[in-house]
């Protein structure tokens, strides 16, 4: 029998608040803050050929007492275990419980306002008030291994709902993996958990860009809220509040409302496919194709995350960051003052040996006082240091302007004339200084050689 995709299985949750979600804000906030939010909303591109290859070649293996699934996709081995599921869905649920005692299940469901007490372990979501019904419906549509009978659930999913709402961890990884294992040899085998499988295949196979045919992963739409408001036959309509521990503080400005549902930073929305309608005549739950997700959702999510990170900072953290910034600014100013002071000292030292006199031709004549070999070397050192400081430590290099050509004369046996193209910065002519240093250094080098 040919395998099929189940349009109402492993759906993408709708956790965006809008006018249509009035009365569901608390449960939406709770799910957005829960540990399973990523698993509920992650929406990768699902390639039909990848999923088909996996399920047509998969087998159950046991290695060192660890059960795992092994398949071939694109001629590459894909291995899936409970740990693989946990890593792919970012679920920190190792060593968590997978099923509660029956008595506790009945007690906790009663606290949630369940109005159909029974000794049987089959429960019906229509006997819950709207926010509890939305919670159960979302988990069943997105996380359950079932593909039919969406109105009822059994002890495993009941345990998942109870653990989630009471702050305990349910082992979703184990539940999903065991469901995949059972599906291998099931008489009603189908393409189970395509969203989750695609994540694990992509992580192990790598580049899947040459696959073309995509499966349009179904997603819940805002019409789900209208369906959850409907009062089921036999239900009193009495609203049972969420547990106090489930109430999540509002984020400032409700930035989360602007984030498109079901988009992950690493995943791209499906581009093709048709909207699936009328999947359940009783509930009227409508699905939407992933093309409805805005292209800007990834950017908006990054913006949202940065806002949340800022809001979560404590007053002490903000004061500490401000203190570090002021300290860096103070140190930077101190360094600049020290450099300027050192440069001024070197220029003053230079003035002891050189006197610059203007002439009528508006040129500059530099007369050097008589100095010893050691003094000449010191002049060179001071001038070179001045040149280095100006040329390498001046911030406004881009604003240097050309000025007129000057002549520099040195008192020596052979008078030299150099034409200098000077650059004006900090009232010091850096290129002129460099050439002046070279002219002073040449006779010193000659003297040393002699």
Protein backbone atom coordinates (compact mmCIF):
# COMPACT_ATOMS: atom_id res chain seq x y z
CA UNK A 1 0.00 0.00 0.00
CA UNK A 2 1.38 3.43 -0.98
CA UNK A 3 2.29 5.68 1.92
CA UNK A 4 0.70 9.11 2.24
CA UNK A 5 1.27 12.41 4.03
CA UNK A 6 -1.35 13.19 6.67
CA UNK A 7 -2.53 16.76 6.26
CA UNK A 8 -3.64 17.08 9.87
CA UNK A 9 -0.53 15.56 11.43
CA UNK A 10 2.65 17.31 12.65
CA UNK A 11 1.20 20.72 11.85
CA UNK A 12 2.80 24.08 12.61
CA UNK A 13 1.25 25.88 15.59
CA UNK A 14 -0.34 29.31 15.36
CA UNK A 15 0.88 31.33 18.35
CA UNK A 16 0.38 34.90 17.15
CA UNK A 17 -1.95 37.25 18.99
CA UNK A 18 -4.45 39.34 17.05
CA UNK A 19 -8.02 40.58 17.29
CA UNK A 20 -9.14 37.07 16.45
CA UNK A 21 -7.27 35.64 19.45
CA UNK A 22 -9.14 37.67 22.06
CA UNK A 23 -9.60 35.53 25.14
CA UNK A 24 -6.60 33.31 24.29
CA UNK A 25 -3.74 35.69 25.09
CA UNK A 26 -2.73 33.91 28.29
CA UNK A 27 -2.41 30.45 26.73
CA UNK A 28 -0.58 31.92 23.69
CA UNK A 29 1.93 33.61 26.01
CA UNK A 30 2.33 30.36 27.92
CA UNK A 31 3.10 28.30 24.82
CA UNK A 32 5.45 30.96 23.44
CA UNK A 33 7.42 30.77 26.68
CA UNK A 34 7.35 26.98 26.93
CA UNK A 35 10.19 24.52 26.30
CA UNK A 36 8.34 23.05 23.29
CA UNK A 37 7.84 26.32 21.42
CA UNK A 38 10.57 25.47 18.87
CA UNK A 39 9.07 22.03 18.20
CA UNK A 40 5.63 23.58 17.79
CA UNK A 41 6.68 26.29 15.34
CA UNK A 42 9.81 25.20 13.47
CA UNK A 43 8.93 25.02 9.79
CA UNK A 44 11.71 23.80 7.47
CA UNK A 45 11.38 23.23 3.75
CA UNK A 46 10.14 19.64 3.52
CA UNK A 47 11.31 17.76 0.42
CA UNK A 48 9.01 14.94 -0.64
CA UNK A 49 11.88 12.81 -2.00
CA UNK A 50 13.79 13.03 1.29
CA UNK A 51 10.85 11.80 3.35
CA UNK A 52 10.04 9.04 0.85
CA UNK A 53 13.64 7.82 0.72
CA UNK A 54 13.74 7.67 4.49
CA UNK A 55 10.55 5.68 4.98
CA UNK A 56 11.23 3.34 2.06
CA UNK A 57 14.66 2.33 3.39
CA UNK A 58 14.29 2.64 7.16
CA UNK A 59 14.92 -0.28 9.51
CA UNK A 60 15.10 -0.70 13.27
CA UNK A 61 18.55 -1.52 14.66
CA UNK A 62 19.79 -2.17 18.16
CA UNK A 63 23.41 -1.26 18.92
CA UNK A 64 24.79 -1.65 22.45
CA UNK A 65 21.25 -1.91 23.81
CA UNK A 66 20.33 1.39 22.15
CA UNK A 67 17.47 1.25 19.66
CA UNK A 68 17.80 3.43 16.61
CA UNK A 69 16.38 3.92 13.13
CA UNK A 70 18.70 3.61 10.16
CA UNK A 71 17.88 4.70 6.61
CA UNK A 72 19.45 5.96 3.39
CA UNK A 73 18.78 9.40 1.96
CA UNK A 74 20.75 10.65 -1.05
CA UNK A 75 23.00 7.60 -0.58
CA UNK A 76 23.96 8.85 2.86
CA UNK A 77 23.21 7.00 6.06
CA UNK A 78 20.70 8.71 8.35
CA UNK A 79 20.57 7.47 11.92
CA UNK A 80 17.87 8.55 14.34
CA UNK A 81 17.67 7.83 18.05
CA UNK A 82 15.90 9.38 20.99
CA UNK A 83 18.92 11.63 21.49
CA UNK A 84 18.80 12.70 17.84
CA UNK A 85 15.17 13.77 18.23
CA UNK A 86 15.99 15.64 21.42
CA UNK A 87 18.83 17.56 19.78
CA UNK A 88 16.92 18.40 16.60
CA UNK A 89 13.89 19.76 18.49
CA UNK A 90 15.92 21.44 21.24
CA UNK A 91 14.11 19.52 23.95
CA UNK A 92 15.84 19.26 27.28
CA UNK A 93 13.74 16.34 28.44
CA UNK A 94 16.17 13.48 29.11
CA UNK A 95 15.19 11.40 32.14
CA UNK A 96 11.75 13.05 32.17
CA UNK A 97 8.53 11.16 32.75
CA UNK A 98 6.65 9.64 29.82
CA UNK A 99 3.37 8.74 31.52
CA UNK A 100 1.69 9.69 34.77
CA UNK A 101 -0.26 7.29 37.03
CA UNK A 102 -3.92 6.94 36.02
CA UNK A 103 -5.21 8.39 39.27
CA UNK A 104 -3.10 11.53 38.86
CA UNK A 105 -4.28 11.94 35.27
CA UNK A 106 -7.94 11.92 36.36
CA UNK A 107 -7.25 14.33 39.23
CA UNK A 108 -5.33 16.88 37.14
CA UNK A 109 -7.78 16.82 34.24
CA UNK A 110 -10.54 17.50 36.74
CA UNK A 111 -8.62 20.56 37.97
CA UNK A 112 -8.54 21.76 34.35
CA UNK A 113 -12.34 21.66 34.31
CA UNK A 114 -12.81 18.40 32.39
CA UNK A 115 -16.54 17.64 32.55
CA UNK A 116 -16.68 14.04 31.41
CA UNK A 117 -15.34 11.93 34.28
CA UNK A 118 -14.74 8.32 33.35
CA UNK A 119 -12.69 5.33 34.33
CA UNK A 120 -11.53 4.92 30.74
CA UNK A 121 -8.23 6.40 29.55
CA UNK A 122 -9.77 8.09 26.53
CA UNK A 123 -10.47 11.80 26.91
CA UNK A 124 -12.25 14.38 24.72
CA UNK A 125 -11.08 17.96 24.28
CA UNK A 126 -14.61 19.29 23.64
CA UNK A 127 -15.29 18.91 27.38
CA UNK A 128 -12.76 21.62 28.30
CA UNK A 129 -13.18 25.40 28.28
CA UNK A 130 -11.65 27.37 25.43
CA UNK A 131 -8.09 28.08 26.63
CA UNK A 132 -7.56 24.52 27.85
CA UNK A 133 -9.09 23.23 24.64
CA UNK A 134 -6.64 25.37 22.61
CA UNK A 135 -3.69 23.96 24.58
CA UNK A 136 -4.78 20.37 24.04
CA UNK A 137 -5.67 20.97 20.39
CA UNK A 138 -2.26 22.54 19.65
CA UNK A 139 -0.32 19.68 21.23
CA UNK A 140 -2.43 17.04 19.48
CA UNK A 141 -2.14 18.65 16.04
CA UNK A 142 1.57 19.46 16.28
CA UNK A 143 3.19 16.84 18.53
CA UNK A 144 0.94 13.78 18.60
CA UNK A 145 1.70 10.72 16.46
CA UNK A 146 -2.00 10.39 15.57
CA UNK A 147 -3.30 11.32 12.14
CA UNK A 148 -7.03 10.78 12.82
CA UNK A 149 -9.55 11.18 15.67
CA UNK A 150 -8.26 14.59 16.66
CA UNK A 151 -11.05 15.17 19.16
CA UNK A 152 -9.86 12.45 21.53
CA UNK A 153 -6.59 11.64 23.23
CA UNK A 154 -5.24 9.00 25.55
CA UNK A 155 -2.95 8.78 28.59
CA UNK A 156 0.33 9.74 26.85
CA UNK A 157 -0.96 13.04 25.52
CA UNK A 158 -2.92 13.61 28.75
CA UNK A 159 0.34 13.22 30.66
CA UNK A 160 2.06 15.65 28.26
CA UNK A 161 -0.62 18.32 28.80
CA UNK A 162 -0.59 17.87 32.57
CA UNK A 163 3.22 17.99 32.85
CA UNK A 164 3.41 21.07 30.65
CA UNK A 165 0.75 22.94 32.61
CA UNK A 166 2.14 22.03 36.05
CA UNK A 167 5.79 22.86 35.37
CA UNK A 168 7.02 19.29 35.02
CA UNK A 169 8.96 17.83 32.11
CA UNK A 170 7.38 15.33 29.79
CA UNK A 171 9.70 13.23 27.63
CA UNK A 172 8.46 14.32 24.20
CA UNK A 173 11.69 13.02 22.61
CA UNK A 174 11.02 9.49 23.80
CA UNK A 175 7.36 9.68 22.78
CA UNK A 176 8.21 10.88 19.24
CA UNK A 177 11.02 8.37 18.75
CA UNK A 178 8.95 5.41 19.97
CA UNK A 179 6.15 6.49 17.65
CA UNK A 180 8.56 6.52 14.70
CA UNK A 181 9.76 3.03 15.60
CA UNK A 182 6.20 1.68 15.80
CA UNK A 183 5.37 3.26 12.44
CA UNK A 184 8.09 1.25 10.66
CA UNK A 185 6.13 -2.02 10.78
CA UNK A 186 2.65 -0.60 11.30
CA UNK A 187 -0.24 -1.83 9.17
CA UNK A 188 -1.33 1.80 8.80
CA UNK A 189 2.15 3.17 8.12
CA UNK A 190 2.31 6.73 6.77
CA UNK A 191 4.84 9.54 6.36
CA UNK A 192 5.03 10.34 10.06
CA UNK A 193 6.53 13.53 11.51
CA UNK A 194 7.75 15.09 8.23
CA UNK A 195 8.66 18.41 9.89
CA UNK A 196 10.82 16.73 12.52
CA UNK A 197 12.35 14.19 10.16
CA UNK A 198 13.39 16.92 7.71
CA UNK A 199 15.36 18.67 10.44
CA UNK A 200 17.24 15.47 11.30
CA UNK A 201 17.87 14.55 7.65
CA UNK A 202 19.18 18.02 6.88
CA UNK A 203 21.56 17.89 9.84
CA UNK A 204 23.09 14.59 8.65
CA UNK A 205 22.91 14.83 4.85
CA UNK A 206 23.76 18.51 4.42
CA UNK A 207 23.02 20.18 1.09
CA UNK A 208 19.50 19.43 -0.14
CA UNK A 209 19.24 22.28 -2.62
CA UNK A 210 18.98 19.94 -5.64
CA UNK A 211 15.67 18.54 -4.35
CA UNK A 212 12.81 20.35 -6.04
CA UNK A 213 9.43 18.97 -4.98
CA UNK A 214 8.34 20.35 -1.64
CA UNK A 215 5.61 19.22 0.69
CA UNK A 216 3.44 22.11 1.81
CA UNK A 217 3.47 21.60 5.54
CA UNK A 218 0.02 22.42 6.96
CA UNK A 219 -0.30 25.05 9.64
CA UNK A 220 -3.06 26.18 11.94
CA UNK A 221 -4.50 29.63 11.19
CA UNK A 222 -6.22 32.25 13.31
CA UNK A 223 -9.53 30.54 12.50
CA UNK A 224 -8.59 28.01 15.15
CA UNK A 225 -9.68 30.52 17.82
CA UNK A 226 -13.24 30.65 16.52
CA UNK A 227 -13.35 26.86 16.47
CA UNK A 228 -12.10 26.65 20.06
CA UNK A 229 -14.83 29.04 21.20
CA UNK A 230 -17.53 26.67 20.06
CA UNK A 231 -19.22 24.93 22.96
CA UNK A 232 -19.31 21.18 22.44
CA UNK A 233 -22.47 19.17 22.92
CA UNK A 234 -22.73 18.14 26.57
CA UNK A 235 -20.33 20.82 27.84
CA UNK A 236 -21.69 23.37 30.33
CA UNK A 237 -19.66 26.27 28.93
CA UNK A 238 -18.21 27.14 32.33
CA UNK A 239 -14.77 28.76 31.86
CA UNK A 240 -11.96 27.24 33.94
CA UNK A 241 -9.01 29.56 34.44
CA UNK A 242 -5.46 28.50 33.70
CA UNK A 243 -3.30 27.55 36.66
CA UNK A 244 -1.65 30.53 38.33
CA UNK A 245 1.83 29.16 37.49
CA UNK A 246 0.94 29.27 33.77
CA UNK A 247 0.38 33.02 33.63
CA UNK A 248 3.30 34.63 31.83
CA UNK A 249 4.20 38.29 32.30
CA UNK A 250 3.48 40.43 29.23
CA UNK A 251 6.43 41.53 27.14
CA UNK A 252 6.71 45.29 26.74
CA UNK A 253 4.79 46.56 23.69
CA UNK A 254 3.81 42.98 22.83
CA UNK A 255 6.69 42.67 20.38
CA UNK A 256 5.99 38.96 20.17
CA UNK A 257 2.70 39.67 18.41
CA UNK A 258 4.54 40.90 15.37
CA UNK A 259 6.57 37.71 14.91
CA UNK A 260 5.17 35.45 12.20
CA UNK A 261 4.20 32.05 13.54
CA UNK A 262 6.22 28.97 12.68
CA UNK A 263 9.37 30.63 11.31
CA UNK A 264 12.78 29.70 12.62
CA UNK A 265 16.03 31.57 11.99
CA UNK A 266 17.51 28.55 10.23
CA UNK A 267 14.46 27.67 8.18
CA UNK A 268 12.85 29.04 5.05
CA UNK A 269 9.07 29.00 4.50
CA UNK A 270 7.71 26.71 1.82
CA UNK A 271 7.09 28.66 -1.36
CA UNK A 272 4.50 26.51 -3.10
CA UNK A 273 1.36 24.62 -2.27
CA UNK A 274 -2.33 25.09 -1.82
CA UNK A 275 -4.28 26.02 1.29
CA UNK A 276 -5.98 23.07 2.88
CA UNK A 277 -9.59 23.67 3.84
CA UNK A 278 -12.44 21.81 5.51
CA UNK A 279 -10.35 19.17 7.25
CA UNK A 280 -12.77 18.69 10.08
CA UNK A 281 -16.49 19.26 9.63
CA UNK A 282 -17.09 19.14 13.39
CA UNK A 283 -14.50 21.74 14.31
CA UNK A 284 -13.97 23.63 11.06
CA UNK A 285 -10.26 23.89 11.70
CA UNK A 286 -8.63 25.60 8.73
CA UNK A 287 -5.00 25.23 7.70
CA UNK A 288 -2.78 27.65 5.85
CA UNK A 289 0.05 27.05 3.51
CA UNK A 290 3.43 28.29 4.62
CA UNK A 291 3.40 30.85 1.81
CA UNK A 292 1.30 33.02 4.11
CA UNK A 293 4.35 33.56 6.33
CA UNK A 294 5.92 36.93 5.65
CA UNK A 295 9.40 37.04 4.19
CA UNK A 296 10.46 39.53 6.83
CA UNK A 297 9.68 37.21 9.74
CA UNK A 298 13.29 36.14 10.23
CA UNK A 299 14.44 39.77 10.59
CA UNK A 300 11.53 40.53 12.93
CA UNK A 301 12.43 37.57 15.12
CA UNK A 302 16.04 38.75 15.46
CA UNK A 303 14.67 42.19 16.39
CA UNK A 304 12.34 40.62 18.94
CA UNK A 305 15.16 38.53 20.47
CA UNK A 306 17.40 41.58 20.82
CA UNK A 307 14.57 43.49 22.56
CA UNK A 308 13.92 40.61 24.93
CA UNK A 309 17.63 40.33 25.74
CA UNK A 310 17.71 44.04 26.56
CA UNK A 311 14.57 43.87 28.70
CA UNK A 312 15.93 40.93 30.68
CA UNK A 313 19.00 42.86 31.77
CA UNK A 314 18.96 43.87 35.43
CA UNK A 315 19.62 47.34 36.68
CA UNK A 316 23.00 46.20 38.01
CA UNK A 317 24.00 44.82 34.59
CA UNK A 318 23.07 48.08 32.85
CA UNK A 319 24.99 50.16 35.42
CA UNK A 320 28.02 47.87 35.05
CA UNK A 321 28.00 48.23 31.25
CA UNK A 322 27.69 52.02 31.54
CA UNK A 323 30.59 52.11 34.00
CA UNK A 324 32.81 50.07 31.64
CA UNK A 325 31.96 52.39 28.74
CA UNK A 326 32.84 55.52 30.78
CA UNK A 327 36.09 53.91 31.88
CA UNK A 328 37.07 53.13 28.27
CA UNK A 329 36.27 56.73 27.25
CA UNK A 330 38.32 58.12 30.15
CA UNK A 331 41.31 55.90 29.31
CA UNK A 332 41.13 56.92 25.65
CA UNK A 333 41.16 60.65 26.55
CA UNK A 334 44.07 60.14 28.93
CA UNK A 335 46.08 58.40 26.18
CA UNK A 336 45.44 61.26 23.73
CA UNK A 337 46.49 63.86 26.33
CA UNK A 338 49.68 61.90 27.06
CA UNK A 339 50.54 61.63 23.35
CA UNK A 340 49.98 65.36 22.81
CA UNK A 341 52.10 66.22 25.83
CA UNK A 342 54.94 64.01 24.60
CA UNK A 343 54.74 65.58 21.14
CA UNK A 344 54.84 69.11 22.59
CA UNK A 345 57.94 68.22 24.61
CA UNK A 346 59.69 66.86 21.53
CA UNK A 347 58.85 69.95 19.49
CA UNK A 348 60.20 72.21 22.25
CA UNK A 349 63.41 70.15 22.25
CA UNK A 350 63.63 70.62 18.50
CA UNK A 351 63.23 74.39 18.85
CA UNK A 352 66.41 74.52 20.95
CA UNK A 353 68.43 73.65 17.87
CA UNK A 354 66.37 75.08 15.00
CA UNK A 355 65.03 78.58 14.49
CA UNK A 356 62.49 79.14 11.69
CA UNK A 357 62.56 82.67 10.18
CA UNK A 358 60.22 83.95 7.42
CA UNK A 359 61.68 85.96 4.53
CA UNK A 360 60.22 88.46 2.11
CA UNK A 361 59.50 85.78 -0.51
CA UNK A 362 57.22 84.04 1.93
CA UNK A 363 59.55 81.05 1.99
CA UNK A 364 60.78 79.48 5.19
CA UNK A 365 64.47 79.46 6.14
CA UNK A 366 65.59 77.11 8.83
CA UNK A 367 68.86 77.95 10.53
CA UNK A 368 70.46 75.31 12.69
CA UNK A 369 72.65 76.25 15.62
CA UNK A 370 76.01 74.60 15.85
CA UNK A 371 75.72 71.23 17.49
CA UNK A 372 77.84 68.20 18.21
CA UNK A 373 77.54 64.76 16.66
CA UNK A 374 75.52 63.56 19.67
CA UNK A 375 73.23 66.59 19.47
CA UNK A 376 72.67 65.98 15.75
CA UNK A 377 71.62 62.44 16.54
CA UNK A 378 69.29 63.74 19.24
CA UNK A 379 67.79 66.26 16.78
CA UNK A 380 67.15 63.45 14.33
CA UNK A 381 65.55 61.34 17.05
CA UNK A 382 63.28 64.14 18.21
CA UNK A 383 62.25 65.10 14.70
CA UNK A 384 61.65 61.51 13.65
CA UNK A 385 59.58 60.95 16.78
CA UNK A 386 57.55 64.07 15.98
CA UNK A 387 57.02 62.86 12.42
CA UNK A 388 55.99 59.38 13.63
CA UNK A 389 53.53 60.77 16.18
CA UNK A 390 51.90 63.16 13.74
CA UNK A 391 51.70 60.77 10.83
CA UNK A 392 50.49 57.76 12.80
CA UNK A 393 48.55 59.27 15.70
CA UNK A 394 46.66 62.10 14.03
CA UNK A 395 42.96 61.35 13.57
CA UNK A 396 42.25 63.80 10.76
CA UNK A 397 44.56 62.39 8.05
CA UNK A 398 41.76 62.65 5.50
CA UNK A 399 41.48 66.40 6.01
CA UNK A 400 45.12 67.29 5.30
CA UNK A 401 45.47 70.05 2.74
CA UNK A 402 48.30 70.89 0.33
CA UNK A 403 50.11 74.19 1.02
CA UNK A 404 52.69 76.16 -0.90
CA UNK A 405 56.17 74.82 -1.67
CA UNK A 406 58.81 75.97 0.84
CA UNK A 407 62.58 75.87 0.84
CA UNK A 408 64.60 74.66 3.76
CA UNK A 409 68.27 75.73 4.12
CA UNK A 410 70.78 74.18 6.49
CA UNK A 411 73.94 75.93 7.66
CA UNK A 412 76.62 73.60 6.28
CA UNK A 413 79.56 73.66 3.84
CA UNK A 414 77.22 73.02 0.93
CA UNK A 415 73.87 74.79 1.18
CA UNK A 416 71.07 72.49 0.18
CA UNK A 417 67.68 73.43 -1.16
CA UNK A 418 64.75 71.00 -1.04
CA UNK A 419 61.31 71.54 -2.45
CA UNK A 420 58.78 70.06 -0.11
CA UNK A 421 55.13 69.29 -0.70
CA UNK A 422 53.90 69.81 2.83
CA UNK A 423 50.79 68.45 4.44
CA UNK A 424 49.28 70.65 7.11
CA UNK A 425 48.08 68.88 10.24
CA UNK A 426 48.37 69.86 13.90
CA UNK A 427 50.50 72.87 12.73
CA UNK A 428 53.42 70.53 11.96
CA UNK A 429 54.53 69.71 8.41
CA UNK A 430 54.97 65.98 8.57
CA UNK A 431 56.39 65.28 5.16
CA UNK A 432 58.78 68.20 5.55
CA UNK A 433 59.93 66.79 8.89
CA UNK A 434 60.56 63.41 7.31
CA UNK A 435 62.72 64.87 4.53
CA UNK A 436 64.47 67.13 7.04
CA UNK A 437 65.30 64.08 9.13
CA UNK A 438 66.72 62.34 6.07
CA UNK A 439 68.91 65.39 5.23
CA UNK A 440 70.21 65.54 8.80
CA UNK A 441 70.76 61.82 9.03
CA UNK A 442 72.86 61.59 5.79
CA UNK A 443 75.88 63.63 7.01
CA UNK A 444 75.71 61.85 10.38
CA UNK A 445 75.89 58.50 8.61
CA UNK A 446 78.81 59.78 6.48
CA UNK A 447 80.62 61.02 9.58
CA UNK A 448 80.08 57.69 11.29
CA UNK A 449 81.40 55.85 8.26
CA UNK A 450 84.50 58.06 8.16
